[in-house]
Amino acid sequence: MVLVVGMVWSSILGVLTAIGSASGFAASFPLIVPIFGSMAAVGALTVFTSDRTKGVLEYLMAYGVSPRRLFANFLMAALAAISIVLVGAIGVSVGIYLAGGHTVSMSLLLLLVGYAIPMSYVSGAFATTVGMYWSALSSPREGIGSTIGLAPLFGVLPPVATLVLIGVFGATAGITTDEFLLVTGSALALIGVVVLYLLANLGHLLRRERLLSNS
């Protein structure tokens, strides 16, 4: 459901901006893609939380599946879901944009390839990994304070923080293409390092018992 919502809303916003203004589409559409793209990771996190509560993770670990392998499998599922949203949203929106007689400029291509696509994957990986830790370390609950309730925030935080940083640079001293690439590249690298650290040190940071069901 979340996957469909992310694809539909990002496609709608992309189509509206593509129809309304060519310059507006090139400047705004790539910036909103990671926000909706990372939301697709909520689906994998929902399954993880449900499987932990029902004892599925406990069952799999009893048959020799390591916690790191479990985390990696759910992370791959989240990235696959993000890929579906990206293909759908970018395909539809850029298709409408091209159908309107516009061409893909270098700035649009740069924003899509250098920011929108990698930030969607990295933000989704961050949301999934942090969300799985949160789910394992907390008691099952419902509402906004639950893992699923907080998961969209985990995914939205990296792209929003990056855009704020870019906005601050642009407002104070202006920002060139090279500086934009430096800021976004640094943000992507930092988030990626956090995700890799959490996965690599899973055995030290998270006890195996935390993945067992509470029943």
N, C-alpha and C. Protein backbone atom coordinates (compact mmCIF):
# COMPACT_ATOMS: atom_id res chain seq x y z
N MET A 1 0.82 -1.20 0.00
CA MET A 1 0.00 0.00 0.00
C MET A 1 0.86 1.26 0.00
N VAL A 2 1.87 1.28 0.87
CA VAL A 2 2.77 2.44 0.94
C VAL A 2 3.50 2.61 -0.38
N LEU A 3 3.89 1.49 -0.99
CA LEU A 3 4.58 1.53 -2.28
C LEU A 3 3.71 2.21 -3.32
N VAL A 4 2.43 1.85 -3.35
CA VAL A 4 1.50 2.44 -4.32
C VAL A 4 1.32 3.93 -4.05
N VAL A 5 1.18 4.28 -2.77
CA VAL A 5 1.00 5.69 -2.40
C VAL A 5 2.20 6.52 -2.84
N GLY A 6 3.41 6.01 -2.56
CA GLY A 6 4.61 6.73 -2.95
C GLY A 6 4.71 6.91 -4.44
N MET A 7 4.40 5.87 -5.20
CA MET A 7 4.48 5.95 -6.65
C MET A 7 3.42 6.91 -7.21
N VAL A 8 2.19 6.79 -6.69
CA VAL A 8 1.10 7.61 -7.20
C VAL A 8 1.33 9.09 -6.92
N TRP A 9 1.67 9.41 -5.68
CA TRP A 9 1.84 10.82 -5.33
C TRP A 9 3.04 11.46 -6.03
N SER A 10 4.16 10.74 -6.11
CA SER A 10 5.33 11.29 -6.80
C SER A 10 5.04 11.44 -8.29
N SER A 11 4.27 10.51 -8.87
CA SER A 11 3.90 10.61 -10.29
C SER A 11 2.96 11.78 -10.53
N ILE A 12 1.98 11.95 -9.63
CA ILE A 12 1.02 13.06 -9.78
C ILE A 12 1.74 14.40 -9.71
N LEU A 13 2.59 14.56 -8.70
CA LEU A 13 3.32 15.82 -8.56
C LEU A 13 4.26 16.05 -9.74
N GLY A 14 4.88 14.97 -10.22
CA GLY A 14 5.77 15.09 -11.37
C GLY A 14 5.02 15.49 -12.62
N VAL A 15 3.87 14.88 -12.86
CA VAL A 15 3.06 15.20 -14.04
C VAL A 15 2.57 16.63 -13.98
N LEU A 16 2.10 17.07 -12.80
CA LEU A 16 1.59 18.43 -12.66
C LEU A 16 2.67 19.47 -12.93
N THR A 17 3.86 19.23 -12.40
CA THR A 17 4.95 20.18 -12.64
C THR A 17 5.44 20.12 -14.08
N ALA A 18 5.40 18.93 -14.69
CA ALA A 18 5.82 18.79 -16.09
C ALA A 18 4.86 19.53 -17.02
N ILE A 19 3.58 19.48 -16.70
CA ILE A 19 2.58 20.18 -17.53
C ILE A 19 2.64 21.68 -17.29
N GLY A 20 2.86 22.06 -16.03
CA GLY A 20 2.81 23.48 -15.69
C GLY A 20 4.01 24.28 -16.16
N SER A 21 5.20 23.80 -15.90
CA SER A 21 6.40 24.58 -16.21
C SER A 21 7.60 23.67 -16.43
N ALA A 22 8.27 23.86 -17.56
CA ALA A 22 9.44 23.03 -17.85
C ALA A 22 10.56 23.30 -16.86
N SER A 23 10.80 24.58 -16.57
CA SER A 23 11.86 24.93 -15.63
C SER A 23 11.51 24.49 -14.22
N GLY A 24 10.21 24.58 -13.87
CA GLY A 24 9.77 24.16 -12.56
C GLY A 24 9.93 22.66 -12.38
N PHE A 25 9.66 21.89 -13.43
CA PHE A 25 9.81 20.44 -13.37
C PHE A 25 11.27 20.07 -13.17
N ALA A 26 12.15 20.68 -13.95
CA ALA A 26 13.58 20.35 -13.86
C ALA A 26 14.16 20.71 -12.50
N ALA A 27 13.60 21.75 -11.87
CA ALA A 27 14.16 22.22 -10.60
C ALA A 27 13.55 21.52 -9.39
N SER A 28 12.27 21.14 -9.49
CA SER A 28 11.57 20.64 -8.30
C SER A 28 11.34 19.13 -8.27
N PHE A 29 11.04 18.53 -9.42
CA PHE A 29 10.70 17.11 -9.42
C PHE A 29 11.81 16.23 -8.84
N PRO A 30 13.08 16.39 -9.25
CA PRO A 30 14.13 15.53 -8.68
C PRO A 30 14.29 15.70 -7.17
N LEU A 31 13.86 16.85 -6.63
CA LEU A 31 14.02 17.09 -5.20
C LEU A 31 12.97 16.38 -4.36
N ILE A 32 11.79 16.13 -4.95
CA ILE A 32 10.73 15.47 -4.19
C ILE A 32 10.76 13.95 -4.35
N VAL A 33 11.46 13.46 -5.37
CA VAL A 33 11.49 12.02 -5.63
C VAL A 33 12.01 11.22 -4.42
N PRO A 34 13.13 11.62 -3.78
CA PRO A 34 13.62 10.81 -2.65
C PRO A 34 12.66 10.75 -1.47
N ILE A 35 11.87 11.81 -1.29
CA ILE A 35 10.93 11.83 -0.16
C ILE A 35 9.89 10.73 -0.31
N PHE A 36 9.34 10.58 -1.52
CA PHE A 36 8.34 9.55 -1.75
C PHE A 36 8.99 8.19 -2.03
N GLY A 37 10.16 8.22 -2.66
CA GLY A 37 10.85 6.97 -2.96
C GLY A 37 11.23 6.22 -1.71
N SER A 38 11.74 6.94 -0.71
CA SER A 38 12.16 6.29 0.53
C SER A 38 10.99 5.72 1.31
N MET A 39 9.78 6.25 1.06
CA MET A 39 8.59 5.75 1.77
C MET A 39 8.30 4.29 1.41
N ALA A 40 8.78 3.85 0.25
CA ALA A 40 8.55 2.47 -0.16
C ALA A 40 9.20 1.48 0.79
N ALA A 41 10.21 1.94 1.52
CA ALA A 41 10.90 1.06 2.46
C ALA A 41 10.01 0.66 3.63
N VAL A 42 8.94 1.42 3.87
CA VAL A 42 8.06 1.12 4.99
C VAL A 42 7.44 -0.26 4.85
N GLY A 43 7.20 -0.70 3.62
CA GLY A 43 6.61 -2.01 3.40
C GLY A 43 7.47 -3.13 3.96
N ALA A 44 8.77 -3.09 3.65
CA ALA A 44 9.69 -4.12 4.16
C ALA A 44 9.79 -4.06 5.67
N LEU A 45 9.78 -2.85 6.20
CA LEU A 45 9.87 -2.69 7.65
C LEU A 45 8.61 -3.21 8.34
N THR A 46 7.46 -3.05 7.70
CA THR A 46 6.21 -3.57 8.24
C THR A 46 6.26 -5.10 8.35
N VAL A 47 6.79 -5.74 7.30
CA VAL A 47 6.91 -7.20 7.31
C VAL A 47 7.90 -7.65 8.39
N PHE A 48 9.00 -6.92 8.52
CA PHE A 48 10.00 -7.26 9.55
C PHE A 48 9.37 -7.21 10.94
N THR A 49 8.65 -6.13 11.22
CA THR A 49 8.03 -5.98 12.54
C THR A 49 7.00 -7.07 12.78
N SER A 50 6.21 -7.38 11.77
CA SER A 50 5.20 -8.43 11.89
C SER A 50 5.84 -9.79 12.10
N ASP A 51 6.89 -10.09 11.34
CA ASP A 51 7.58 -11.38 11.46
C ASP A 51 8.22 -11.53 12.83
N ARG A 52 8.77 -10.44 13.36
CA ARG A 52 9.37 -10.52 14.70
C ARG A 52 8.30 -10.80 15.75
N THR A 53 7.17 -10.11 15.65
CA THR A 53 6.10 -10.29 16.62
C THR A 53 5.51 -11.69 16.57
N LYS A 54 5.40 -12.25 15.36
CA LYS A 54 4.79 -13.57 15.19
C LYS A 54 5.76 -14.72 15.41
N GLY A 55 7.05 -14.39 15.61
CA GLY A 55 8.02 -15.45 15.86
C GLY A 55 8.65 -16.02 14.60
N VAL A 56 8.40 -15.41 13.45
CA VAL A 56 8.98 -15.92 12.20
C VAL A 56 10.50 -15.76 12.22
N LEU A 57 10.99 -14.63 12.71
CA LEU A 57 12.44 -14.42 12.76
C LEU A 57 13.10 -15.44 13.69
N GLU A 58 12.44 -15.71 14.81
CA GLU A 58 12.94 -16.71 15.76
C GLU A 58 13.04 -18.08 15.10
N TYR A 59 12.03 -18.41 14.31
CA TYR A 59 12.00 -19.69 13.60
C TYR A 59 13.16 -19.78 12.60
N LEU A 60 13.37 -18.72 11.85
CA LEU A 60 14.43 -18.72 10.84
C LEU A 60 15.81 -18.80 11.49
N MET A 61 16.00 -18.09 12.60
CA MET A 61 17.29 -18.14 13.28
C MET A 61 17.55 -19.52 13.86
N ALA A 62 16.49 -20.21 14.27
CA ALA A 62 16.63 -21.57 14.80
C ALA A 62 17.15 -22.53 13.74
N TYR A 63 16.89 -22.19 12.47
CA TYR A 63 17.36 -23.02 11.36
C TYR A 63 18.65 -22.48 10.75
N GLY A 64 19.34 -21.61 11.45
CA GLY A 64 20.67 -21.21 11.05
C GLY A 64 20.80 -19.90 10.29
N VAL A 65 19.71 -19.18 10.08
CA VAL A 65 19.79 -17.89 9.39
C VAL A 65 20.28 -16.84 10.39
N SER A 66 21.36 -16.18 10.06
CA SER A 66 21.95 -15.20 10.98
C SER A 66 21.14 -13.90 10.98
N PRO A 67 21.19 -13.15 12.09
CA PRO A 67 20.49 -11.86 12.13
C PRO A 67 20.96 -10.91 11.03
N ARG A 68 22.26 -10.94 10.73
CA ARG A 68 22.76 -10.08 9.65
C ARG A 68 22.15 -10.44 8.31
N ARG A 69 21.98 -11.74 8.07
CA ARG A 69 21.35 -12.18 6.82
C ARG A 69 19.88 -11.75 6.78
N LEU A 70 19.20 -11.83 7.92
CA LEU A 70 17.81 -11.38 7.98
C LEU A 70 17.71 -9.90 7.66
N PHE A 71 18.57 -9.11 8.27
CA PHE A 71 18.57 -7.67 8.02
C PHE A 71 18.85 -7.39 6.55
N ALA A 72 19.82 -8.11 5.99
CA ALA A 72 20.19 -7.89 4.59
C ALA A 72 19.03 -8.25 3.65
N ASN A 73 18.31 -9.31 3.97
CA ASN A 73 17.19 -9.71 3.12
C ASN A 73 16.08 -8.66 3.12
N PHE A 74 15.75 -8.14 4.29
CA PHE A 74 14.72 -7.10 4.36
C PHE A 74 15.20 -5.81 3.72
N LEU A 75 16.48 -5.54 3.84
CA LEU A 75 17.03 -4.35 3.21
C LEU A 75 16.95 -4.46 1.69
N MET A 76 17.25 -5.62 1.14
CA MET A 76 17.15 -5.84 -0.30
C MET A 76 15.71 -5.71 -0.77
N ALA A 77 14.78 -6.20 0.05
CA ALA A 77 13.36 -6.07 -0.30
C ALA A 77 12.95 -4.60 -0.34
N ALA A 78 13.46 -3.81 0.60
CA ALA A 78 13.16 -2.38 0.62
C ALA A 78 13.72 -1.68 -0.61
N LEU A 79 14.95 -2.03 -0.98
CA LEU A 79 15.57 -1.41 -2.16
C LEU A 79 14.84 -1.80 -3.45
N ALA A 80 14.34 -3.03 -3.49
CA ALA A 80 13.56 -3.46 -4.65
C ALA A 80 12.27 -2.66 -4.75
N ALA A 81 11.62 -2.42 -3.61
CA ALA A 81 10.40 -1.62 -3.60
C ALA A 81 10.68 -0.18 -4.05
N ILE A 82 11.79 0.36 -3.60
CA ILE A 82 12.17 1.72 -4.00
C ILE A 82 12.41 1.77 -5.50
N SER A 83 13.00 0.73 -6.06
CA SER A 83 13.25 0.68 -7.50
C SER A 83 11.94 0.76 -8.29
N ILE A 84 10.92 0.07 -7.79
CA ILE A 84 9.62 0.09 -8.45
C ILE A 84 9.04 1.50 -8.45
N VAL A 85 9.14 2.19 -7.31
CA VAL A 85 8.63 3.56 -7.22
C VAL A 85 9.40 4.48 -8.16
N LEU A 86 10.72 4.34 -8.18
CA LEU A 86 11.54 5.21 -9.04
C LEU A 86 11.24 5.00 -10.51
N VAL A 87 11.15 3.75 -10.93
CA VAL A 87 10.87 3.46 -12.33
C VAL A 87 9.51 4.02 -12.73
N GLY A 88 8.52 3.80 -11.86
CA GLY A 88 7.18 4.28 -12.17
C GLY A 88 7.09 5.79 -12.17
N ALA A 89 7.58 6.42 -11.11
CA ALA A 89 7.45 7.87 -10.97
C ALA A 89 8.28 8.63 -12.02
N ILE A 90 9.54 8.24 -12.16
CA ILE A 90 10.40 8.93 -13.12
C ILE A 90 9.96 8.63 -14.55
N GLY A 91 9.59 7.37 -14.81
CA GLY A 91 9.15 7.01 -16.16
C GLY A 91 7.93 7.80 -16.60
N VAL A 92 6.91 7.85 -15.73
CA VAL A 92 5.68 8.57 -16.08
C VAL A 92 5.93 10.07 -16.19
N SER A 93 6.58 10.63 -15.21
CA SER A 93 6.77 12.09 -15.16
C SER A 93 7.67 12.59 -16.29
N VAL A 94 8.79 11.93 -16.49
CA VAL A 94 9.70 12.34 -17.57
C VAL A 94 9.05 12.07 -18.92
N GLY A 95 8.26 11.00 -19.03
CA GLY A 95 7.56 10.72 -20.27
C GLY A 95 6.60 11.83 -20.64
N ILE A 96 5.82 12.32 -19.67
CA ILE A 96 4.91 13.45 -19.90
C ILE A 96 5.70 14.71 -20.25
N TYR A 97 6.82 14.88 -19.57
CA TYR A 97 7.68 16.05 -19.81
C TYR A 97 8.19 16.03 -21.25
N LEU A 98 8.64 14.89 -21.72
CA LEU A 98 9.14 14.78 -23.10
C LEU A 98 8.00 14.88 -24.10
N ALA A 99 6.84 14.36 -23.75
CA ALA A 99 5.68 14.43 -24.64
C ALA A 99 5.23 15.87 -24.85
N GLY A 100 5.54 16.73 -23.91
CA GLY A 100 5.19 18.14 -24.02
C GLY A 100 6.14 18.93 -24.90
N GLY A 101 7.09 18.24 -25.50
CA GLY A 101 8.03 18.90 -26.40
C GLY A 101 9.29 19.40 -25.74
N HIS A 102 9.50 19.01 -24.51
CA HIS A 102 10.71 19.45 -23.79
C HIS A 102 11.82 18.43 -23.95
N THR A 103 13.01 18.85 -23.68
CA THR A 103 14.16 17.95 -23.73
C THR A 103 14.77 17.85 -22.34
N VAL A 104 15.47 16.76 -22.11
CA VAL A 104 16.13 16.56 -20.81
C VAL A 104 17.43 17.36 -20.79
N SER A 105 17.44 18.40 -19.96
CA SER A 105 18.63 19.24 -19.85
C SER A 105 19.68 18.58 -18.99
N MET A 106 20.87 19.12 -19.04
CA MET A 106 21.96 18.58 -18.22
C MET A 106 21.68 18.77 -16.74
N SER A 107 21.03 19.89 -16.37
CA SER A 107 20.72 20.13 -14.96
C SER A 107 19.70 19.12 -14.45
N LEU A 108 18.69 18.79 -15.27
CA LEU A 108 17.70 17.79 -14.88
C LEU A 108 18.35 16.42 -14.76
N LEU A 109 19.19 16.08 -15.72
CA LEU A 109 19.87 14.79 -15.69
C LEU A 109 20.79 14.69 -14.48
N LEU A 110 21.46 15.79 -14.17
CA LEU A 110 22.37 15.82 -13.01
C LEU A 110 21.60 15.63 -11.71
N LEU A 111 20.46 16.30 -11.60
CA LEU A 111 19.66 16.18 -10.38
C LEU A 111 19.08 14.77 -10.21
N LEU A 112 18.68 14.17 -11.32
CA LEU A 112 18.12 12.82 -11.24
C LEU A 112 19.18 11.78 -10.91
N VAL A 113 20.29 11.82 -11.65
CA VAL A 113 21.33 10.80 -11.51
C VAL A 113 22.22 11.07 -10.29
N GLY A 114 22.49 12.36 -10.04
CA GLY A 114 23.42 12.69 -8.96
C GLY A 114 22.77 12.88 -7.61
N TYR A 115 21.44 13.07 -7.60
CA TYR A 115 20.78 13.30 -6.32
C TYR A 115 19.55 12.42 -6.10
N ALA A 116 18.54 12.54 -6.97
CA ALA A 116 17.24 11.90 -6.72
C ALA A 116 17.35 10.38 -6.56
N ILE A 117 17.98 9.73 -7.52
CA ILE A 117 18.05 8.27 -7.49
C ILE A 117 18.92 7.74 -6.35
N PRO A 118 20.18 8.20 -6.24
CA PRO A 118 20.99 7.67 -5.12
C PRO A 118 20.45 8.05 -3.75
N MET A 119 19.88 9.25 -3.61
CA MET A 119 19.34 9.66 -2.31
C MET A 119 18.12 8.82 -1.94
N SER A 120 17.33 8.41 -2.93
CA SER A 120 16.18 7.55 -2.65
C SER A 120 16.64 6.22 -2.08
N TYR A 121 17.65 5.63 -2.69
CA TYR A 121 18.16 4.33 -2.21
C TYR A 121 18.82 4.45 -0.84
N VAL A 122 19.63 5.47 -0.67
CA VAL A 122 20.35 5.63 0.59
C VAL A 122 19.39 5.96 1.72
N SER A 123 18.42 6.83 1.45
CA SER A 123 17.45 7.19 2.48
C SER A 123 16.58 5.99 2.85
N GLY A 124 16.19 5.22 1.84
CA GLY A 124 15.41 4.01 2.10
C GLY A 124 16.19 2.99 2.90
N ALA A 125 17.47 2.82 2.58
CA ALA A 125 18.32 1.90 3.34
C ALA A 125 18.48 2.37 4.77
N PHE A 126 18.63 3.67 4.95
CA PHE A 126 18.75 4.25 6.29
C PHE A 126 17.48 4.02 7.09
N ALA A 127 16.32 4.31 6.47
CA ALA A 127 15.04 4.14 7.15
C ALA A 127 14.81 2.69 7.53
N THR A 128 15.13 1.78 6.63
CA THR A 128 14.92 0.35 6.90
C THR A 128 15.83 -0.16 8.01
N THR A 129 17.10 0.17 7.93
CA THR A 129 18.07 -0.32 8.91
C THR A 129 17.79 0.25 10.30
N VAL A 130 17.61 1.57 10.38
CA VAL A 130 17.31 2.20 11.68
C VAL A 130 15.97 1.70 12.20
N GLY A 131 15.01 1.54 11.29
CA GLY A 131 13.69 1.05 11.70
C GLY A 131 13.74 -0.36 12.25
N MET A 132 14.56 -1.24 11.66
CA MET A 132 14.68 -2.61 12.17
C MET A 132 15.35 -2.61 13.54
N TYR A 133 16.36 -1.77 13.72
CA TYR A 133 16.97 -1.64 15.05
C TYR A 133 15.93 -1.17 16.05
N TRP A 134 15.18 -0.14 15.66
CA TRP A 134 14.18 0.44 16.56
C TRP A 134 13.14 -0.61 16.93
N SER A 135 12.70 -1.38 15.93
CA SER A 135 11.70 -2.42 16.17
C SER A 135 12.23 -3.49 17.13
N ALA A 136 13.49 -3.88 16.94
CA ALA A 136 14.06 -4.93 17.78
C ALA A 136 14.31 -4.47 19.21
N LEU A 137 14.60 -3.18 19.38
CA LEU A 137 14.96 -2.67 20.70
C LEU A 137 13.76 -2.15 21.49
N SER A 138 12.62 -1.99 20.82
CA SER A 138 11.46 -1.43 21.50
C SER A 138 10.36 -2.47 21.64
N SER A 139 9.42 -2.19 22.51
CA SER A 139 8.27 -3.08 22.70
C SER A 139 7.25 -2.80 21.61
N PRO A 140 6.55 -3.82 21.13
CA PRO A 140 5.55 -3.62 20.09
C PRO A 140 4.49 -2.63 20.55
N ARG A 141 4.19 -1.64 19.69
CA ARG A 141 3.16 -0.66 20.01
C ARG A 141 2.54 -0.17 18.72
N GLU A 142 1.44 0.52 18.85
CA GLU A 142 0.77 1.06 17.68
C GLU A 142 0.75 2.58 17.77
N GLY A 143 0.45 3.22 16.62
CA GLY A 143 0.35 4.68 16.60
C GLY A 143 1.60 5.33 16.08
N ILE A 144 1.67 6.66 16.28
CA ILE A 144 2.76 7.44 15.73
C ILE A 144 4.10 7.11 16.37
N GLY A 145 4.08 6.60 17.61
CA GLY A 145 5.32 6.25 18.28
C GLY A 145 5.84 4.87 17.94
N SER A 146 5.10 4.13 17.13
CA SER A 146 5.54 2.79 16.74
C SER A 146 6.61 2.88 15.67
N THR A 147 7.24 1.73 15.41
CA THR A 147 8.28 1.69 14.37
C THR A 147 7.72 2.11 13.03
N ILE A 148 6.53 1.59 12.67
CA ILE A 148 5.93 1.92 11.39
C ILE A 148 5.53 3.39 11.35
N GLY A 149 5.09 3.92 12.50
CA GLY A 149 4.71 5.32 12.55
C GLY A 149 5.89 6.26 12.36
N LEU A 150 7.06 5.83 12.84
CA LEU A 150 8.25 6.68 12.74
C LEU A 150 9.05 6.43 11.47
N ALA A 151 8.80 5.32 10.78
CA ALA A 151 9.60 4.95 9.61
C ALA A 151 9.62 6.03 8.53
N PRO A 152 8.48 6.65 8.19
CA PRO A 152 8.54 7.71 7.17
C PRO A 152 9.47 8.85 7.56
N LEU A 153 9.51 9.17 8.87
CA LEU A 153 10.40 10.23 9.34
C LEU A 153 11.85 9.85 9.12
N PHE A 154 12.20 8.58 9.39
CA PHE A 154 13.56 8.11 9.16
C PHE A 154 13.96 8.29 7.70
N GLY A 155 13.02 8.02 6.78
CA GLY A 155 13.33 8.11 5.36
C GLY A 155 13.37 9.53 4.84
N VAL A 156 12.52 10.40 5.40
CA VAL A 156 12.44 11.78 4.93
C VAL A 156 13.58 12.63 5.47
N LEU A 157 14.09 12.28 6.64
CA LEU A 157 15.11 13.09 7.30
C LEU A 157 16.36 13.34 6.45
N PRO A 158 16.99 12.30 5.83
CA PRO A 158 18.20 12.57 5.05
C PRO A 158 18.01 13.53 3.87
N PRO A 159 17.00 13.33 2.99
CA PRO A 159 16.86 14.28 1.88
C PRO A 159 16.48 15.68 2.33
N VAL A 160 15.64 15.80 3.36
CA VAL A 160 15.25 17.12 3.84
C VAL A 160 16.46 17.84 4.45
N ALA A 161 17.24 17.12 5.24
CA ALA A 161 18.44 17.72 5.85
C ALA A 161 19.43 18.16 4.77
N THR A 162 19.57 17.35 3.73
CA THR A 162 20.48 17.71 2.63
C THR A 162 19.99 18.95 1.90
N LEU A 163 18.69 19.03 1.63
CA LEU A 163 18.14 20.19 0.94
C LEU A 163 18.26 21.46 1.79
N VAL A 164 18.08 21.32 3.09
CA VAL A 164 18.25 22.47 3.99
C VAL A 164 19.69 22.96 3.94
N LEU A 165 20.63 22.02 3.96
CA LEU A 165 22.04 22.38 3.90
C LEU A 165 22.37 23.08 2.59
N ILE A 166 21.84 22.56 1.49
CA ILE A 166 22.05 23.19 0.19
C ILE A 166 21.43 24.58 0.17
N GLY A 167 20.23 24.70 0.76
CA GLY A 167 19.57 26.00 0.82
C GLY A 167 20.36 27.03 1.62
N VAL A 168 20.96 26.59 2.70
CA VAL A 168 21.77 27.49 3.53
C VAL A 168 22.98 27.98 2.74
N PHE A 169 23.65 27.03 2.05
CA PHE A 169 24.80 27.41 1.22
C PHE A 169 24.38 28.38 0.13
N GLY A 170 23.25 28.07 -0.53
CA GLY A 170 22.79 28.90 -1.64
C GLY A 170 22.39 30.28 -1.19
N ALA A 171 21.80 30.39 0.00
CA ALA A 171 21.32 31.68 0.48
C ALA A 171 22.46 32.57 0.98
N THR A 172 23.51 31.98 1.48
CA THR A 172 24.60 32.76 2.06
C THR A 172 25.66 33.15 1.03
N ALA A 173 26.10 32.19 0.24
CA ALA A 173 27.20 32.48 -0.68
C ALA A 173 26.95 31.97 -2.09
N GLY A 174 25.76 31.44 -2.33
CA GLY A 174 25.52 30.84 -3.65
C GLY A 174 26.16 29.47 -3.71
N ILE A 175 25.69 28.66 -4.63
CA ILE A 175 26.23 27.31 -4.74
C ILE A 175 26.42 26.94 -6.20
N THR A 176 27.60 26.48 -6.53
CA THR A 176 27.91 26.08 -7.90
C THR A 176 27.56 24.61 -8.08
N THR A 177 27.67 24.15 -9.32
CA THR A 177 27.40 22.74 -9.60
C THR A 177 28.37 21.84 -8.85
N ASP A 178 29.65 22.22 -8.83
CA ASP A 178 30.65 21.42 -8.12
C ASP A 178 30.36 21.37 -6.62
N GLU A 179 29.95 22.50 -6.07
CA GLU A 179 29.63 22.54 -4.64
C GLU A 179 28.37 21.73 -4.34
N PHE A 180 27.42 21.77 -5.25
CA PHE A 180 26.20 20.96 -5.09
C PHE A 180 26.56 19.48 -5.06
N LEU A 181 27.41 19.07 -5.98
CA LEU A 181 27.83 17.67 -6.03
C LEU A 181 28.62 17.30 -4.78
N LEU A 182 29.41 18.24 -4.28
CA LEU A 182 30.20 17.98 -3.07
C LEU A 182 29.28 17.79 -1.85
N VAL A 183 28.28 18.66 -1.72
CA VAL A 183 27.37 18.56 -0.58
C VAL A 183 26.55 17.28 -0.65
N THR A 184 25.94 17.03 -1.80
CA THR A 184 25.11 15.83 -1.93
C THR A 184 25.95 14.56 -1.83
N GLY A 185 27.14 14.58 -2.42
CA GLY A 185 28.02 13.41 -2.34
C GLY A 185 28.45 13.12 -0.92
N SER A 186 28.74 14.19 -0.17
CA SER A 186 29.13 14.02 1.24
C SER A 186 27.97 13.47 2.06
N ALA A 187 26.76 13.98 1.79
CA ALA A 187 25.58 13.50 2.52
C ALA A 187 25.32 12.03 2.21
N LEU A 188 25.41 11.67 0.94
CA LEU A 188 25.19 10.28 0.55
C LEU A 188 26.23 9.36 1.19
N ALA A 189 27.49 9.80 1.19
CA ALA A 189 28.56 8.99 1.77
C ALA A 189 28.36 8.82 3.28
N LEU A 190 27.98 9.91 3.95
CA LEU A 190 27.79 9.85 5.41
C LEU A 190 26.66 8.90 5.78
N ILE A 191 25.54 9.01 5.08
CA ILE A 191 24.39 8.13 5.38
C ILE A 191 24.74 6.69 5.05
N GLY A 192 25.45 6.49 3.94
CA GLY A 192 25.86 5.15 3.56
C GLY A 192 26.78 4.51 4.59
N VAL A 193 27.69 5.30 5.13
CA VAL A 193 28.62 4.79 6.15
C VAL A 193 27.84 4.39 7.41
N VAL A 194 26.85 5.18 7.79
CA VAL A 194 26.03 4.86 8.97
C VAL A 194 25.32 3.52 8.77
N VAL A 195 24.73 3.33 7.58
CA VAL A 195 24.02 2.09 7.28
C VAL A 195 24.97 0.90 7.33
N LEU A 196 26.12 1.04 6.68
CA LEU A 196 27.09 -0.05 6.66
C LEU A 196 27.62 -0.36 8.05
N TYR A 197 27.82 0.67 8.86
CA TYR A 197 28.30 0.46 10.23
C TYR A 197 27.27 -0.32 11.04
N LEU A 198 26.01 0.06 10.92
CA LEU A 198 24.95 -0.63 11.67
C LEU A 198 24.83 -2.10 11.24
N LEU A 199 24.99 -2.36 9.95
CA LEU A 199 24.91 -3.73 9.47
C LEU A 199 26.14 -4.55 9.87
N ALA A 200 27.32 -3.93 9.75
CA ALA A 200 28.56 -4.65 10.04
C ALA A 200 28.70 -4.96 11.52
N ASN A 201 28.15 -4.09 12.38
CA ASN A 201 28.30 -4.28 13.83
C ASN A 201 27.02 -4.76 14.49
N LEU A 202 26.18 -5.42 13.71
CA LEU A 202 24.90 -5.90 14.20
C LEU A 202 25.06 -6.81 15.42
N GLY A 203 26.04 -7.71 15.37
CA GLY A 203 26.25 -8.64 16.47
C GLY A 203 26.65 -7.97 17.76
N HIS A 204 27.33 -6.83 17.68
CA HIS A 204 27.78 -6.11 18.88
C HIS A 204 26.71 -5.15 19.40
N LEU A 205 25.97 -4.54 18.48
CA LEU A 205 25.01 -3.51 18.88
C LEU A 205 23.63 -4.07 19.23
N LEU A 206 23.33 -5.25 18.72
CA LEU A 206 21.99 -5.80 18.92
C LEU A 206 22.09 -7.26 19.33
N ARG A 207 21.64 -7.55 20.52
CA ARG A 207 21.66 -8.93 20.98
C ARG A 207 20.67 -9.78 20.20
N ARG A 208 21.03 -11.02 19.96
CA ARG A 208 20.19 -11.93 19.21
C ARG A 208 18.80 -12.08 19.83
N GLU A 209 18.75 -12.01 21.17
CA GLU A 209 17.48 -12.19 21.85
C GLU A 209 16.48 -11.10 21.53
N ARG A 210 16.95 -9.94 21.07
CA ARG A 210 16.04 -8.84 20.77
C ARG A 210 15.19 -9.12 19.54
N LEU A 211 15.59 -10.11 18.75
CA LEU A 211 14.82 -10.45 17.55
C LEU A 211 13.79 -11.54 17.82
N LEU A 212 13.76 -12.04 19.04
CA LEU A 212 12.79 -13.08 19.37
C LEU A 212 11.42 -12.44 19.67
N SER A 213 10.40 -13.20 19.45
CA SER A 213 9.04 -12.70 19.72
C SER A 213 8.83 -12.58 21.22
N ASN A 214 7.87 -11.74 21.61
CA ASN A 214 7.59 -11.52 23.04
C ASN A 214 6.53 -12.45 23.58
N SER A 215 6.04 -13.35 22.70
CA SER A 215 4.97 -14.27 23.14
C SER A 215 5.55 -15.42 23.95
